[in-house]
Amino acid sequence: MRGLGHFRGSVAWGAGVALAVAGLCVQVLVHQFDNWSRDPVLRPVYRAACALLPCALPMSRPARDFVVRDIAVRAHPRVVGGVVVEAALRNEASFSQRFPGLELRLSNAAGEVVAARRFAPAQYLGGRYRPEASMPATTRVLAVVEIRRPPVEAVNVVLVPY
């Protein structure tokens, strides 16, 4: 017959394991805060946690509410063979939100992507706006990216918010 001490030991081990698993879950949630707090499924979990803890939820960033228009490509003024791509970025949401990242895709005449690069807001805003600030609703902003050596076969440029 097992004694009370064995039972207490089993309960202590079970509680310790449960506490370790909970601690691991909290670490993952903290580590993934910037990405997962924007997820519509997990955002309520983070909202509840931030109501109890000293944290603030980042603004949601649905890329579908941003539109890129009026893309212009011109020769780089200081880099031989380079180009500058300018485009109007518009927040079509009815609310302010953080600036999106932009993905630049260069394709050839057959429509195949020959080069691609992602730009953070600080890289395409060029100091004209604070990248951590929010972009007001229905506002247009000039996005500028430089390409030092575009592939020779590139004939089309696309900028996609992400």
Protein backbone atom coordinates (compact mmCIF):
# COMPACT_ATOMS: atom_id res chain seq x y z
CA MET A 1 0.00 0.00 0.00
CA ARG A 2 1.38 3.32 -1.00
CA GLY A 3 1.66 6.01 1.59
CA LEU A 4 0.61 9.62 1.69
CA GLY A 5 4.18 10.72 0.94
CA HIS A 6 4.12 8.96 -2.44
CA PHE A 7 0.83 10.70 -3.30
CA ARG A 8 2.26 14.10 -2.36
CA GLY A 9 5.33 13.43 -4.48
CA SER A 10 3.18 12.53 -7.51
CA VAL A 11 1.06 15.65 -7.08
CA ALA A 12 4.17 17.80 -6.74
CA TRP A 13 5.67 16.32 -9.92
CA GLY A 14 2.40 16.81 -11.81
CA ALA A 15 2.12 20.40 -10.62
CA GLY A 16 5.75 21.04 -11.55
CA VAL A 17 5.26 19.66 -15.05
CA ALA A 18 2.07 21.70 -15.53
CA LEU A 19 3.89 24.82 -14.34
CA ALA A 20 6.80 24.16 -16.72
CA VAL A 21 4.44 23.67 -19.68
CA ALA A 22 2.56 26.86 -18.78
CA GLY A 23 5.87 28.74 -18.52
CA LEU A 24 6.94 27.46 -21.93
CA CYS A 25 3.62 28.57 -23.45
CA VAL A 26 4.03 32.04 -21.95
CA GLN A 27 7.57 32.28 -23.36
CA VAL A 28 6.35 31.37 -26.85
CA LEU A 29 3.49 33.88 -26.61
CA VAL A 30 5.89 36.63 -25.51
CA HIS A 31 8.44 35.75 -28.22
CA GLN A 32 5.77 35.79 -30.97
CA PHE A 33 4.00 38.90 -29.62
CA ASP A 34 4.55 41.15 -32.66
CA ASN A 35 3.28 38.60 -35.18
CA TRP A 36 0.65 36.68 -33.26
CA SER A 37 -0.98 39.72 -31.62
CA ARG A 38 -2.11 40.80 -35.11
CA ASP A 39 -3.68 37.41 -35.83
CA PRO A 40 -7.49 37.67 -35.56
CA VAL A 41 -7.70 34.34 -33.71
CA LEU A 42 -5.02 35.08 -31.10
CA ARG A 43 -5.60 38.83 -30.73
CA PRO A 44 -8.28 38.37 -28.01
CA VAL A 45 -5.78 36.34 -25.93
CA TYR A 46 -3.22 39.13 -26.19
CA ARG A 47 -5.89 41.79 -25.53
CA ALA A 48 -6.83 40.01 -22.28
CA ALA A 49 -3.18 39.67 -21.27
CA CYS A 50 -2.48 43.34 -21.99
CA ALA A 51 -5.46 44.33 -19.84
CA LEU A 52 -3.66 42.70 -16.89
CA LEU A 53 -0.02 43.35 -17.78
CA PRO A 54 1.91 46.47 -18.79
CA CYS A 55 1.81 45.99 -22.56
CA ALA A 56 0.07 47.57 -25.54
CA LEU A 57 -1.26 45.76 -28.59
CA PRO A 58 0.25 46.83 -31.89
CA MET A 59 -2.17 48.08 -34.49
CA SER A 60 -3.48 45.39 -36.77
CA ARG A 61 -1.97 45.42 -40.22
CA PRO A 62 -4.19 43.80 -42.84
CA ALA A 63 -2.23 44.18 -46.07
CA ARG A 64 -5.43 44.04 -48.09
CA ASP A 65 -6.31 47.55 -46.91
CA PHE A 66 -3.23 49.02 -48.59
CA VAL A 67 -3.07 49.74 -52.31
CA VAL A 68 -0.03 50.61 -54.41
CA ARG A 69 -0.65 52.93 -57.37
CA ASP A 70 1.24 55.09 -59.83
CA ILE A 71 4.48 53.09 -59.96
CA ALA A 72 7.27 54.98 -61.72
CA VAL A 73 10.75 53.68 -62.52
CA ARG A 74 13.57 56.09 -63.35
CA ALA A 75 17.34 56.03 -63.58
CA HIS A 76 19.15 56.32 -60.25
CA PRO A 77 20.69 59.81 -59.98
CA ARG A 78 23.90 58.59 -58.30
CA VAL A 79 24.31 54.88 -59.15
CA VAL A 80 25.21 53.96 -62.72
CA GLY A 81 22.84 51.22 -63.92
CA GLY A 82 20.64 51.55 -60.84
CA VAL A 83 17.00 52.55 -60.77
CA VAL A 84 14.66 54.26 -58.32
CA VAL A 85 11.10 52.95 -57.99
CA GLU A 86 8.48 55.38 -56.67
CA ALA A 87 4.87 54.52 -55.92
CA ALA A 88 1.88 55.95 -54.11
CA LEU A 89 0.90 53.81 -51.13
CA ARG A 90 -2.66 54.34 -49.94
CA ASN A 91 -4.32 53.19 -46.72
CA GLU A 92 -7.88 52.45 -47.82
CA ALA A 93 -9.02 51.30 -44.40
CA SER A 94 -11.42 53.42 -42.37
CA PHE A 95 -8.89 53.50 -39.51
CA SER A 96 -5.24 54.39 -38.93
CA GLN A 97 -2.81 51.50 -39.01
CA ARG A 98 0.91 50.82 -39.10
CA PHE A 99 2.77 51.14 -42.36
CA PRO A 100 3.01 47.78 -44.16
CA GLY A 101 6.12 46.15 -45.50
CA LEU A 102 6.50 46.25 -49.28
CA GLU A 103 7.68 43.42 -51.48
CA LEU A 104 9.30 44.45 -54.75
CA ARG A 105 9.08 41.88 -57.55
CA LEU A 106 10.89 42.19 -60.86
CA SER A 107 9.76 39.94 -63.69
CA ASN A 108 10.90 39.18 -67.22
CA ALA A 109 8.91 39.36 -70.47
CA ALA A 110 7.47 35.88 -69.80
CA GLY A 111 6.08 37.04 -66.44
CA GLU A 112 8.57 35.00 -64.40
CA VAL A 113 9.91 36.66 -61.25
CA VAL A 114 13.65 37.21 -61.71
CA ALA A 115 14.27 39.13 -58.47
CA ALA A 116 12.35 40.00 -55.32
CA ARG A 117 13.09 41.86 -52.12
CA ARG A 118 11.11 42.90 -49.06
CA PHE A 119 11.38 46.40 -47.62
CA ALA A 120 10.50 47.46 -44.08
CA PRO A 121 8.72 50.83 -43.71
CA ALA A 122 11.94 52.54 -42.59
CA GLN A 123 13.55 51.49 -45.88
CA TYR A 124 10.94 52.96 -48.23
CA LEU A 125 9.75 55.99 -46.25
CA GLY A 126 13.16 57.66 -46.47
CA GLY A 127 12.84 59.68 -43.28
CA ARG A 128 9.69 61.48 -44.47
CA TYR A 129 7.57 59.64 -41.86
CA ARG A 130 8.26 57.76 -38.66
CA PRO A 131 7.91 54.05 -39.58
CA GLU A 132 6.51 53.21 -36.13
CA ALA A 133 3.79 55.85 -36.50
CA SER A 134 0.39 55.01 -37.86
CA MET A 135 -0.74 55.87 -41.36
CA PRO A 136 -4.04 57.78 -41.23
CA ALA A 137 -7.08 56.37 -43.00
CA THR A 138 -7.49 57.17 -46.70
CA THR A 139 -4.02 58.73 -46.87
CA ARG A 140 -1.49 58.51 -49.71
CA VAL A 141 2.24 58.27 -48.99
CA LEU A 142 5.16 58.23 -51.41
CA ALA A 143 7.17 54.99 -51.22
CA VAL A 144 10.67 55.08 -52.72
CA VAL A 145 13.00 52.09 -53.13
CA GLU A 146 16.37 51.92 -54.82
CA ILE A 147 17.67 49.03 -56.88
CA ARG A 148 21.41 49.21 -57.41
CA ARG A 149 21.78 46.46 -60.04
CA PRO A 150 18.46 45.23 -61.43
CA PRO A 151 18.63 42.08 -63.57
CA VAL A 152 19.00 42.90 -67.26
CA GLU A 153 16.00 40.73 -68.16
CA ALA A 154 13.66 42.58 -65.75
CA VAL A 155 10.97 44.43 -67.70
CA ASN A 156 8.16 44.67 -65.12
CA VAL A 157 8.01 46.00 -61.55
CA VAL A 158 5.36 45.18 -58.95
CA LEU A 159 5.15 46.42 -55.36
CA VAL A 160 2.96 44.33 -53.05
CA PRO A 161 2.10 45.30 -49.44
CA TYR A 162 2.54 42.57 -46.84
